[in-house]
Amino acid sequence: MTTSITRSSNHSRTLTLVHIAMFAALMAIGANISSFLIVGGVPITLQTFFAVLAGILLGKRLGAAAMIVYAAIGLAGVPVFAKFSGGMDTLISPTFGFILSYIFTAFAAGWIAEKMPSKKGFIFGALVATAINYVFGTNWMYAAYKLWFAAPEGFTYGMAWAWMAVPLPKDVLLAVFAGLFGFRMQPIIKKYLP
């Protein structure tokens, strides 16, 4: 009896670690699948989509943990960030705010999906999480360019948001898709989460 309980507990922990690692890996793929396209200082990536999906499918706690693992791996020097970058110097880059925001993005998407376990709730959570990503990341980028990074000529707060207008339609559509996909997949995923 004790052996089966221990085995079940170990199995659950192993699956949790696998889910966290899987979403950290998906973030690395999403960061570089289209990062050759850069608007202003912002690479166009699929990271927001995978951060939202991590929160919706894994829940607020494990989704945020997956994003922490992703950020830690990149800061340790593994080239998992956009443009195959990594290392501690990323901390001062204008786009580091987006990397940091993925933790809050996943947490918010998971929290709302847990509070509103319906199709509309999942979509709403995905859209709110995407908005958090944009607000946090864009404000960090603006501050970085104004305080410690060389800003482009005539750089303004409006220009920072204008850069973000390019990927916005893609991210809104992907947020809706993440909400719908997450809602369909949640009953399956729940079987394997603690």
N, C-alpha and C. Protein backbone atom coordinates (compact mmCIF):
# COMPACT_ATOMS: atom_id res chain seq x y z
N MET A 1 0.82 -1.19 0.00
CA MET A 1 0.00 0.00 0.00
C MET A 1 0.87 1.25 0.00
N THR A 2 1.85 1.32 0.89
CA THR A 2 2.74 2.47 0.98
C THR A 2 3.54 2.63 -0.31
N THR A 3 3.96 1.52 -0.89
CA THR A 3 4.73 1.56 -2.12
C THR A 3 3.92 2.18 -3.25
N SER A 4 2.65 1.83 -3.37
CA SER A 4 1.83 2.39 -4.44
C SER A 4 1.56 3.87 -4.22
N ILE A 5 1.41 4.30 -2.95
CA ILE A 5 1.22 5.72 -2.66
C ILE A 5 2.49 6.49 -3.00
N THR A 6 3.64 5.95 -2.62
CA THR A 6 4.92 6.60 -2.93
C THR A 6 5.13 6.67 -4.43
N ARG A 7 4.86 5.57 -5.12
CA ARG A 7 5.02 5.54 -6.57
C ARG A 7 4.10 6.56 -7.22
N SER A 8 2.86 6.66 -6.75
CA SER A 8 1.91 7.61 -7.29
C SER A 8 2.38 9.05 -7.05
N SER A 9 2.89 9.31 -5.86
CA SER A 9 3.39 10.64 -5.53
C SER A 9 4.60 11.00 -6.40
N ASN A 10 5.51 10.04 -6.57
CA ASN A 10 6.68 10.26 -7.43
C ASN A 10 6.26 10.47 -8.88
N HIS A 11 5.27 9.70 -9.33
CA HIS A 11 4.75 9.82 -10.68
C HIS A 11 4.17 11.22 -10.90
N SER A 12 3.41 11.71 -9.92
CA SER A 12 2.80 13.03 -10.00
C SER A 12 3.87 14.13 -10.06
N ARG A 13 4.89 14.01 -9.20
CA ARG A 13 5.97 14.99 -9.21
C ARG A 13 6.73 14.97 -10.54
N THR A 14 6.96 13.78 -11.06
CA THR A 14 7.66 13.65 -12.33
C THR A 14 6.86 14.31 -13.45
N LEU A 15 5.56 14.06 -13.50
CA LEU A 15 4.73 14.68 -14.53
C LEU A 15 4.71 16.20 -14.39
N THR A 16 4.68 16.70 -13.17
CA THR A 16 4.72 18.14 -12.94
C THR A 16 6.00 18.73 -13.50
N LEU A 17 7.13 18.09 -13.20
CA LEU A 17 8.42 18.57 -13.72
C LEU A 17 8.47 18.51 -15.24
N VAL A 18 7.90 17.46 -15.80
CA VAL A 18 7.86 17.32 -17.26
C VAL A 18 7.04 18.45 -17.89
N HIS A 19 5.88 18.76 -17.29
CA HIS A 19 5.05 19.84 -17.81
C HIS A 19 5.77 21.19 -17.74
N ILE A 20 6.44 21.45 -16.63
CA ILE A 20 7.18 22.70 -16.49
C ILE A 20 8.30 22.77 -17.52
N ALA A 21 9.05 21.70 -17.67
CA ALA A 21 10.14 21.67 -18.64
C ALA A 21 9.63 21.80 -20.07
N MET A 22 8.48 21.16 -20.34
CA MET A 22 7.91 21.24 -21.68
C MET A 22 7.56 22.68 -22.05
N PHE A 23 6.96 23.42 -21.12
CA PHE A 23 6.61 24.80 -21.44
C PHE A 23 7.83 25.72 -21.48
N ALA A 24 8.85 25.43 -20.70
CA ALA A 24 10.09 26.19 -20.82
C ALA A 24 10.70 25.96 -22.21
N ALA A 25 10.65 24.72 -22.69
CA ALA A 25 11.16 24.41 -24.03
C ALA A 25 10.30 25.07 -25.12
N LEU A 26 8.98 25.05 -24.94
CA LEU A 26 8.10 25.71 -25.92
C LEU A 26 8.37 27.20 -25.98
N MET A 27 8.69 27.81 -24.84
CA MET A 27 9.04 29.23 -24.82
C MET A 27 10.30 29.49 -25.64
N ALA A 28 11.30 28.61 -25.51
CA ALA A 28 12.54 28.76 -26.27
C ALA A 28 12.27 28.64 -27.77
N ILE A 29 11.41 27.71 -28.14
CA ILE A 29 11.05 27.56 -29.55
C ILE A 29 10.27 28.79 -30.03
N GLY A 30 9.29 29.19 -29.23
CA GLY A 30 8.47 30.36 -29.58
C GLY A 30 9.26 31.64 -29.67
N ALA A 31 10.34 31.73 -28.90
CA ALA A 31 11.18 32.93 -28.92
C ALA A 31 11.93 33.07 -30.23
N ASN A 32 12.24 31.95 -30.85
CA ASN A 32 13.11 32.00 -32.02
C ASN A 32 12.48 31.51 -33.31
N ILE A 33 11.23 31.14 -33.26
CA ILE A 33 10.58 30.63 -34.47
C ILE A 33 10.42 31.73 -35.52
N SER A 34 10.26 32.96 -35.06
CA SER A 34 10.11 34.08 -36.01
C SER A 34 10.87 35.31 -35.57
N SER A 35 11.89 35.15 -34.75
CA SER A 35 12.58 36.32 -34.19
C SER A 35 13.47 37.04 -35.20
N PHE A 36 13.53 36.54 -36.43
CA PHE A 36 14.26 37.26 -37.47
C PHE A 36 13.50 38.52 -37.87
N LEU A 37 12.21 38.59 -37.56
CA LEU A 37 11.40 39.76 -37.86
C LEU A 37 11.41 40.68 -36.65
N ILE A 38 12.02 41.86 -36.80
CA ILE A 38 12.16 42.79 -35.68
C ILE A 38 11.55 44.13 -36.08
N VAL A 39 10.66 44.65 -35.24
CA VAL A 39 10.05 45.95 -35.45
C VAL A 39 10.52 46.87 -34.35
N GLY A 40 11.21 47.96 -34.72
CA GLY A 40 11.84 48.81 -33.71
C GLY A 40 12.87 47.97 -32.99
N GLY A 41 12.75 47.82 -31.71
CA GLY A 41 13.67 46.97 -30.97
C GLY A 41 13.02 45.67 -30.52
N VAL A 42 11.82 45.37 -31.06
CA VAL A 42 11.02 44.26 -30.54
C VAL A 42 10.94 43.11 -31.55
N PRO A 43 11.50 41.93 -31.21
CA PRO A 43 11.34 40.76 -32.10
C PRO A 43 9.90 40.25 -32.06
N ILE A 44 9.40 39.82 -33.20
CA ILE A 44 8.06 39.25 -33.28
C ILE A 44 8.18 37.75 -32.98
N THR A 45 7.59 37.32 -31.87
CA THR A 45 7.76 35.94 -31.41
C THR A 45 6.41 35.33 -31.02
N LEU A 46 6.45 34.08 -30.57
CA LEU A 46 5.25 33.39 -30.08
C LEU A 46 5.31 33.17 -28.57
N GLN A 47 6.17 33.90 -27.89
CA GLN A 47 6.34 33.69 -26.44
C GLN A 47 5.10 34.03 -25.64
N THR A 48 4.43 35.11 -25.99
CA THR A 48 3.23 35.48 -25.24
C THR A 48 2.19 34.37 -25.32
N PHE A 49 2.03 33.79 -26.51
CA PHE A 49 1.10 32.69 -26.70
C PHE A 49 1.43 31.53 -25.77
N PHE A 50 2.70 31.11 -25.72
CA PHE A 50 3.06 29.97 -24.90
C PHE A 50 3.00 30.30 -23.40
N ALA A 51 3.27 31.55 -23.03
CA ALA A 51 3.15 31.94 -21.62
C ALA A 51 1.69 31.87 -21.18
N VAL A 52 0.79 32.38 -22.03
CA VAL A 52 -0.65 32.32 -21.73
C VAL A 52 -1.10 30.87 -21.64
N LEU A 53 -0.69 30.07 -22.60
CA LEU A 53 -1.09 28.66 -22.63
C LEU A 53 -0.57 27.91 -21.40
N ALA A 54 0.65 28.24 -20.97
CA ALA A 54 1.20 27.61 -19.76
C ALA A 54 0.32 27.88 -18.56
N GLY A 55 -0.11 29.12 -18.41
CA GLY A 55 -0.98 29.47 -17.29
C GLY A 55 -2.33 28.78 -17.36
N ILE A 56 -2.90 28.76 -18.55
CA ILE A 56 -4.23 28.16 -18.72
C ILE A 56 -4.18 26.64 -18.49
N LEU A 57 -3.18 25.98 -19.05
CA LEU A 57 -3.14 24.52 -18.97
C LEU A 57 -2.54 24.00 -17.67
N LEU A 58 -1.52 24.68 -17.16
CA LEU A 58 -0.85 24.18 -15.95
C LEU A 58 -1.39 24.81 -14.68
N GLY A 59 -2.12 25.90 -14.81
CA GLY A 59 -2.58 26.62 -13.62
C GLY A 59 -1.61 27.74 -13.28
N LYS A 60 -2.07 28.63 -12.42
CA LYS A 60 -1.28 29.82 -12.11
C LYS A 60 0.08 29.50 -11.52
N ARG A 61 0.14 28.57 -10.60
CA ARG A 61 1.39 28.27 -9.90
C ARG A 61 2.39 27.57 -10.81
N LEU A 62 1.99 26.50 -11.47
CA LEU A 62 2.92 25.76 -12.33
C LEU A 62 3.23 26.53 -13.60
N GLY A 63 2.26 27.27 -14.13
CA GLY A 63 2.52 28.09 -15.32
C GLY A 63 3.58 29.14 -15.03
N ALA A 64 3.45 29.82 -13.89
CA ALA A 64 4.46 30.81 -13.50
C ALA A 64 5.81 30.14 -13.25
N ALA A 65 5.79 28.96 -12.65
CA ALA A 65 7.04 28.22 -12.40
C ALA A 65 7.74 27.89 -13.71
N ALA A 66 6.98 27.51 -14.73
CA ALA A 66 7.57 27.21 -16.04
C ALA A 66 8.25 28.45 -16.63
N MET A 67 7.63 29.61 -16.43
CA MET A 67 8.22 30.85 -16.95
C MET A 67 9.47 31.25 -16.15
N ILE A 68 9.47 30.97 -14.86
CA ILE A 68 10.65 31.23 -14.04
C ILE A 68 11.81 30.35 -14.50
N VAL A 69 11.51 29.07 -14.77
CA VAL A 69 12.54 28.15 -15.27
C VAL A 69 13.08 28.65 -16.60
N TYR A 70 12.19 29.07 -17.49
CA TYR A 70 12.63 29.60 -18.80
C TYR A 70 13.56 30.80 -18.62
N ALA A 71 13.16 31.75 -17.78
CA ALA A 71 13.98 32.95 -17.56
C ALA A 71 15.32 32.57 -16.93
N ALA A 72 15.31 31.65 -15.97
CA ALA A 72 16.55 31.24 -15.30
C ALA A 72 17.51 30.56 -16.26
N ILE A 73 16.97 29.71 -17.13
CA ILE A 73 17.82 29.03 -18.12
C ILE A 73 18.48 30.06 -19.04
N GLY A 74 17.69 31.03 -19.50
CA GLY A 74 18.24 32.07 -20.37
C GLY A 74 19.27 32.93 -19.67
N LEU A 75 18.98 33.33 -18.43
CA LEU A 75 19.92 34.16 -17.69
C LEU A 75 21.21 33.40 -17.36
N ALA A 76 21.11 32.07 -17.28
CA ALA A 76 22.31 31.25 -17.03
C ALA A 76 23.22 31.18 -18.25
N GLY A 77 22.73 31.67 -19.40
CA GLY A 77 23.57 31.72 -20.58
C GLY A 77 23.13 30.84 -21.74
N VAL A 78 22.12 30.01 -21.54
CA VAL A 78 21.63 29.18 -22.64
C VAL A 78 20.87 30.10 -23.60
N PRO A 79 21.14 30.02 -24.90
CA PRO A 79 20.52 30.96 -25.86
C PRO A 79 19.07 30.63 -26.18
N VAL A 80 18.19 30.84 -25.22
CA VAL A 80 16.77 30.52 -25.38
C VAL A 80 15.89 31.76 -25.58
N PHE A 81 16.47 32.95 -25.40
CA PHE A 81 15.70 34.17 -25.61
C PHE A 81 15.66 34.50 -27.10
N ALA A 82 14.85 35.49 -27.46
CA ALA A 82 14.72 35.89 -28.87
C ALA A 82 16.09 36.20 -29.47
N LYS A 83 16.22 35.92 -30.74
CA LYS A 83 17.47 36.10 -31.49
C LYS A 83 18.57 35.21 -30.93
N PHE A 84 18.19 34.07 -30.35
CA PHE A 84 19.12 33.10 -29.78
C PHE A 84 20.11 33.76 -28.82
N SER A 85 19.56 34.60 -27.95
CA SER A 85 20.40 35.28 -26.96
C SER A 85 20.17 34.65 -25.58
N GLY A 86 21.03 35.01 -24.67
CA GLY A 86 20.95 34.54 -23.29
C GLY A 86 22.07 35.17 -22.50
N GLY A 87 22.08 34.97 -21.22
CA GLY A 87 23.12 35.52 -20.36
C GLY A 87 22.63 36.65 -19.49
N MET A 88 23.44 36.99 -18.50
CA MET A 88 23.06 38.01 -17.53
C MET A 88 22.95 39.41 -18.14
N ASP A 89 23.64 39.66 -19.26
CA ASP A 89 23.54 40.98 -19.87
C ASP A 89 22.13 41.25 -20.41
N THR A 90 21.32 40.21 -20.52
CA THR A 90 19.93 40.38 -20.96
C THR A 90 19.14 41.20 -19.94
N LEU A 91 19.58 41.19 -18.68
CA LEU A 91 18.89 41.95 -17.63
C LEU A 91 18.76 43.43 -17.96
N ILE A 92 19.74 43.97 -18.70
CA ILE A 92 19.69 45.40 -19.01
C ILE A 92 19.17 45.68 -20.42
N SER A 93 18.77 44.64 -21.14
CA SER A 93 18.25 44.86 -22.49
C SER A 93 16.85 45.47 -22.41
N PRO A 94 16.47 46.25 -23.41
CA PRO A 94 15.14 46.86 -23.39
C PRO A 94 13.99 45.85 -23.40
N THR A 95 14.23 44.65 -23.90
CA THR A 95 13.15 43.67 -23.99
C THR A 95 13.10 42.70 -22.80
N PHE A 96 13.96 42.89 -21.81
CA PHE A 96 13.93 41.99 -20.66
C PHE A 96 12.61 42.09 -19.89
N GLY A 97 11.96 43.23 -19.94
CA GLY A 97 10.66 43.39 -19.28
C GLY A 97 9.64 42.40 -19.80
N PHE A 98 9.72 42.08 -21.09
CA PHE A 98 8.80 41.09 -21.64
C PHE A 98 9.09 39.71 -21.06
N ILE A 99 10.37 39.37 -20.95
CA ILE A 99 10.76 38.07 -20.38
C ILE A 99 10.24 37.97 -18.94
N LEU A 100 10.44 39.02 -18.17
CA LEU A 100 9.96 39.05 -16.79
C LEU A 100 8.43 39.00 -16.73
N SER A 101 7.79 39.66 -17.69
CA SER A 101 6.33 39.71 -17.67
C SER A 101 5.69 38.35 -17.94
N TYR A 102 6.41 37.43 -18.57
CA TYR A 102 5.83 36.11 -18.86
C TYR A 102 5.44 35.39 -17.58
N ILE A 103 6.15 35.65 -16.49
CA ILE A 103 5.81 35.04 -15.20
C ILE A 103 4.42 35.52 -14.76
N PHE A 104 4.21 36.83 -14.84
CA PHE A 104 2.93 37.42 -14.45
C PHE A 104 1.82 37.06 -15.45
N THR A 105 2.21 36.97 -16.71
CA THR A 105 1.27 36.61 -17.77
C THR A 105 0.69 35.21 -17.51
N ALA A 106 1.59 34.25 -17.27
CA ALA A 106 1.15 32.88 -17.00
C ALA A 106 0.31 32.81 -15.72
N PHE A 107 0.76 33.51 -14.69
CA PHE A 107 0.03 33.50 -13.42
C PHE A 107 -1.38 34.06 -13.61
N ALA A 108 -1.49 35.21 -14.30
CA ALA A 108 -2.80 35.84 -14.50
C ALA A 108 -3.72 34.96 -15.33
N ALA A 109 -3.20 34.39 -16.42
CA ALA A 109 -4.02 33.52 -17.27
C ALA A 109 -4.53 32.32 -16.47
N GLY A 110 -3.64 31.73 -15.68
CA GLY A 110 -4.04 30.57 -14.86
C GLY A 110 -5.03 30.94 -13.78
N TRP A 111 -4.81 32.06 -13.13
CA TRP A 111 -5.70 32.50 -12.05
C TRP A 111 -7.11 32.76 -12.56
N ILE A 112 -7.21 33.48 -13.69
CA ILE A 112 -8.53 33.79 -14.25
C ILE A 112 -9.21 32.52 -14.74
N ALA A 113 -8.43 31.63 -15.39
CA ALA A 113 -9.02 30.37 -15.87
C ALA A 113 -9.53 29.52 -14.71
N GLU A 114 -8.85 29.58 -13.56
CA GLU A 114 -9.31 28.83 -12.38
C GLU A 114 -10.58 29.46 -11.79
N LYS A 115 -10.66 30.79 -11.81
CA LYS A 115 -11.82 31.48 -11.25
C LYS A 115 -13.02 31.44 -12.19
N MET A 116 -12.76 31.40 -13.49
CA MET A 116 -13.83 31.43 -14.49
C MET A 116 -13.65 30.23 -15.43
N PRO A 117 -13.96 29.02 -14.98
CA PRO A 117 -13.70 27.81 -15.78
C PRO A 117 -14.73 27.59 -16.90
N SER A 118 -14.81 28.56 -17.79
CA SER A 118 -15.71 28.46 -18.94
C SER A 118 -14.93 28.91 -20.17
N LYS A 119 -15.51 28.67 -21.33
CA LYS A 119 -14.84 29.08 -22.57
C LYS A 119 -14.60 30.59 -22.57
N LYS A 120 -15.61 31.37 -22.19
CA LYS A 120 -15.47 32.83 -22.13
C LYS A 120 -14.43 33.23 -21.10
N GLY A 121 -14.42 32.53 -19.97
CA GLY A 121 -13.44 32.83 -18.93
C GLY A 121 -12.02 32.58 -19.39
N PHE A 122 -11.80 31.50 -20.11
CA PHE A 122 -10.47 31.19 -20.62
C PHE A 122 -10.01 32.23 -21.63
N ILE A 123 -10.92 32.63 -22.52
CA ILE A 123 -10.56 33.65 -23.51
C ILE A 123 -10.28 34.98 -22.81
N PHE A 124 -11.15 35.33 -21.85
CA PHE A 124 -10.95 36.57 -21.10
C PHE A 124 -9.60 36.54 -20.37
N GLY A 125 -9.29 35.43 -19.72
CA GLY A 125 -8.01 35.29 -19.03
C GLY A 125 -6.83 35.44 -19.97
N ALA A 126 -6.94 34.85 -21.15
CA ALA A 126 -5.85 34.94 -22.13
C ALA A 126 -5.66 36.38 -22.60
N LEU A 127 -6.77 37.10 -22.80
CA LEU A 127 -6.67 38.50 -23.26
C LEU A 127 -6.12 39.40 -22.15
N VAL A 128 -6.56 39.20 -20.92
CA VAL A 128 -6.03 39.99 -19.80
C VAL A 128 -4.54 39.72 -19.62
N ALA A 129 -4.15 38.45 -19.70
CA ALA A 129 -2.73 38.09 -19.56
C ALA A 129 -1.89 38.72 -20.66
N THR A 130 -2.41 38.75 -21.87
CA THR A 130 -1.69 39.39 -22.99
C THR A 130 -1.55 40.89 -22.73
N ALA A 131 -2.59 41.51 -22.20
CA ALA A 131 -2.52 42.94 -21.88
C ALA A 131 -1.46 43.20 -20.81
N ILE A 132 -1.37 42.33 -19.81
CA ILE A 132 -0.34 42.46 -18.77
C ILE A 132 1.05 42.39 -19.40
N ASN A 133 1.22 41.43 -20.31
CA ASN A 133 2.50 41.29 -21.01
C ASN A 133 2.87 42.58 -21.75
N TYR A 134 1.91 43.15 -22.45
CA TYR A 134 2.17 44.36 -23.23
C TYR A 134 2.47 45.56 -22.33
N VAL A 135 1.67 45.75 -21.30
CA VAL A 135 1.85 46.91 -20.42
C VAL A 135 3.19 46.83 -19.69
N PHE A 136 3.48 45.69 -19.08
CA PHE A 136 4.72 45.52 -18.33
C PHE A 136 5.93 45.64 -19.27
N GLY A 137 5.89 44.88 -20.36
CA GLY A 137 7.04 44.85 -21.28
C GLY A 137 7.30 46.18 -21.95
N THR A 138 6.26 46.84 -22.40
CA THR A 138 6.43 48.12 -23.11
C THR A 138 6.91 49.20 -22.16
N ASN A 139 6.40 49.25 -20.94
CA ASN A 139 6.88 50.25 -19.99
C ASN A 139 8.33 50.01 -19.60
N TRP A 140 8.71 48.73 -19.44
CA TRP A 140 10.12 48.41 -19.17
C TRP A 140 10.99 48.87 -20.34
N MET A 141 10.55 48.57 -21.57
CA MET A 141 11.31 48.94 -22.75
C MET A 141 11.50 50.46 -22.81
N TYR A 142 10.44 51.20 -22.57
CA TYR A 142 10.53 52.66 -22.60
C TYR A 142 11.52 53.15 -21.54
N ALA A 143 11.40 52.63 -20.32
CA ALA A 143 12.31 53.04 -19.24
C ALA A 143 13.75 52.67 -19.58
N ALA A 144 13.95 51.49 -20.14
CA ALA A 144 15.31 51.05 -20.49
C ALA A 144 15.93 51.98 -21.52
N TYR A 145 15.17 52.32 -22.55
CA TYR A 145 15.69 53.22 -23.58
C TYR A 145 15.95 54.61 -23.03
N LYS A 146 15.13 55.06 -22.10
CA LYS A 146 15.30 56.41 -21.55
C LYS A 146 16.38 56.48 -20.47
N LEU A 147 16.59 55.40 -19.71
CA LEU A 147 17.47 55.48 -18.55
C LEU A 147 18.86 54.86 -18.75
N TRP A 148 18.95 53.71 -19.41
CA TRP A 148 20.26 53.08 -19.46
C TRP A 148 20.65 52.51 -20.83
N PHE A 149 19.79 52.57 -21.80
CA PHE A 149 20.10 52.02 -23.11
C PHE A 149 20.07 53.16 -24.12
N ALA A 150 20.81 53.06 -25.18
CA ALA A 150 20.84 54.12 -26.19
C ALA A 150 19.51 54.14 -26.96
N ALA A 151 18.73 55.18 -26.72
CA ALA A 151 17.42 55.29 -27.38
C ALA A 151 17.60 55.76 -28.82
N PRO A 152 16.75 55.28 -29.73
CA PRO A 152 16.77 55.79 -31.10
C PRO A 152 16.47 57.29 -31.10
N GLU A 153 16.88 57.97 -32.13
CA GLU A 153 16.65 59.41 -32.26
C GLU A 153 15.16 59.72 -32.17
N GLY A 154 14.79 60.66 -31.31
CA GLY A 154 13.40 61.08 -31.17
C GLY A 154 12.49 60.05 -30.52
N PHE A 155 13.06 59.14 -29.74
CA PHE A 155 12.27 58.09 -29.12
C PHE A 155 11.32 58.67 -28.08
N THR A 156 10.05 58.27 -28.16
CA THR A 156 9.03 58.73 -27.22
C THR A 156 8.23 57.53 -26.69
N TYR A 157 7.42 57.80 -25.69
CA TYR A 157 6.55 56.77 -25.14
C TYR A 157 5.58 56.28 -26.21
N GLY A 158 5.09 57.21 -27.02
CA GLY A 158 4.18 56.85 -28.11
C GLY A 158 4.86 55.96 -29.13
N MET A 159 6.16 56.20 -29.38
CA MET A 159 6.89 55.38 -30.34
C MET A 159 7.02 53.95 -29.82
N ALA A 160 7.26 53.79 -28.52
CA ALA A 160 7.35 52.45 -27.94
C ALA A 160 6.05 51.70 -28.16
N TRP A 161 4.91 52.37 -27.95
CA TRP A 161 3.62 51.72 -28.15
C TRP A 161 3.33 51.50 -29.63
N ALA A 162 3.83 52.39 -30.50
CA ALA A 162 3.65 52.20 -31.94
C ALA A 162 4.37 50.93 -32.40
N TRP A 163 5.55 50.67 -31.85
CA TRP A 163 6.26 49.42 -32.18
C TRP A 163 5.42 48.21 -31.79
N MET A 164 4.73 48.32 -30.66
CA MET A 164 3.94 47.19 -30.16
C MET A 164 2.63 47.00 -30.93
N ALA A 165 2.23 48.02 -31.70
CA ALA A 165 1.01 47.89 -32.49
C ALA A 165 1.16 46.86 -33.60
N VAL A 166 2.40 46.62 -34.04
CA VAL A 166 2.62 45.66 -35.13
C VAL A 166 2.28 44.23 -34.70
N PRO A 167 2.83 43.73 -33.57
CA PRO A 167 2.48 42.36 -33.18
C PRO A 167 1.14 42.23 -32.45
N LEU A 168 0.50 43.34 -32.11
CA LEU A 168 -0.74 43.28 -31.32
C LEU A 168 -1.84 42.44 -31.97
N PRO A 169 -2.18 42.64 -33.24
CA PRO A 169 -3.26 41.81 -33.82
C PRO A 169 -2.93 40.31 -33.75
N LYS A 170 -1.67 39.96 -34.02
CA LYS A 170 -1.25 38.56 -33.94
C LYS A 170 -1.43 38.04 -32.52
N ASP A 171 -1.02 38.82 -31.53
CA ASP A 171 -1.10 38.36 -30.15
C ASP A 171 -2.54 38.29 -29.64
N VAL A 172 -3.40 39.18 -30.11
CA VAL A 172 -4.82 39.11 -29.72
C VAL A 172 -5.45 37.84 -30.29
N LEU A 173 -5.19 37.57 -31.58
CA LEU A 173 -5.72 36.35 -32.19
C LEU A 173 -5.18 35.10 -31.50
N LEU A 174 -3.89 35.11 -31.20
CA LEU A 174 -3.29 33.95 -30.53
C LEU A 174 -3.81 33.80 -29.10
N ALA A 175 -4.14 34.91 -28.44
CA ALA A 175 -4.71 34.83 -27.10
C ALA A 175 -6.08 34.16 -27.15
N VAL A 176 -6.89 34.55 -28.13
CA VAL A 176 -8.21 33.92 -28.28
C VAL A 176 -8.03 32.43 -28.58
N PHE A 177 -7.10 32.10 -29.47
CA PHE A 177 -6.84 30.70 -29.80
C PHE A 177 -6.36 29.95 -28.56
N ALA A 178 -5.46 30.57 -27.76
CA ALA A 178 -4.96 29.92 -26.54
C ALA A 178 -6.11 29.65 -25.57
N GLY A 179 -7.03 30.61 -25.45
CA GLY A 179 -8.18 30.41 -24.59
C GLY A 179 -9.05 29.26 -25.05
N LEU A 180 -9.33 29.22 -26.35
CA LEU A 180 -10.17 28.13 -26.90
C LEU A 180 -9.46 26.78 -26.80
N PHE A 181 -8.19 26.76 -27.18
CA PHE A 181 -7.42 25.52 -27.14
C PHE A 181 -7.27 25.03 -25.70
N GLY A 182 -6.96 25.96 -24.80
CA GLY A 182 -6.82 25.61 -23.40
C GLY A 182 -8.09 25.06 -22.80
N PHE A 183 -9.23 25.64 -23.19
CA PHE A 183 -10.52 25.16 -22.68
C PHE A 183 -10.78 23.73 -23.15
N ARG A 184 -10.43 23.44 -24.40
CA ARG A 184 -10.64 22.08 -24.93
C ARG A 184 -9.67 21.08 -24.31
N MET A 185 -8.44 21.53 -24.04
CA MET A 185 -7.41 20.62 -23.55
C MET A 185 -7.43 20.44 -22.03
N GLN A 186 -8.03 21.38 -21.31
CA GLN A 186 -7.96 21.33 -19.85
C GLN A 186 -8.46 20.03 -19.24
N PRO A 187 -9.58 19.45 -19.69
CA PRO A 187 -10.01 18.18 -19.08
C PRO A 187 -8.98 17.06 -19.24
N ILE A 188 -8.25 17.08 -20.34
CA ILE A 188 -7.22 16.05 -20.57
C ILE A 188 -6.02 16.31 -19.68
N ILE A 189 -5.57 17.57 -19.64
CA ILE A 189 -4.39 17.94 -18.85
C ILE A 189 -4.64 17.71 -17.36
N LYS A 190 -5.85 18.02 -16.90
CA LYS A 190 -6.16 17.89 -15.46
C LYS A 190 -5.94 16.48 -14.94
N LYS A 191 -6.06 15.50 -15.81
CA LYS A 191 -5.85 14.11 -15.39
C LYS A 191 -4.40 13.87 -14.95
N TYR A 192 -3.50 14.69 -15.46
CA TYR A 192 -2.07 14.46 -15.23
C TYR A 192 -1.43 15.48 -14.30
N LEU A 193 -2.19 16.44 -13.82
CA LEU A 193 -1.65 17.43 -12.90
C LEU A 193 -2.08 17.11 -11.48
N PRO A 194 -1.25 17.52 -10.50
CA PRO A 194 -1.59 17.24 -9.10
C PRO A 194 -2.82 18.03 -8.65
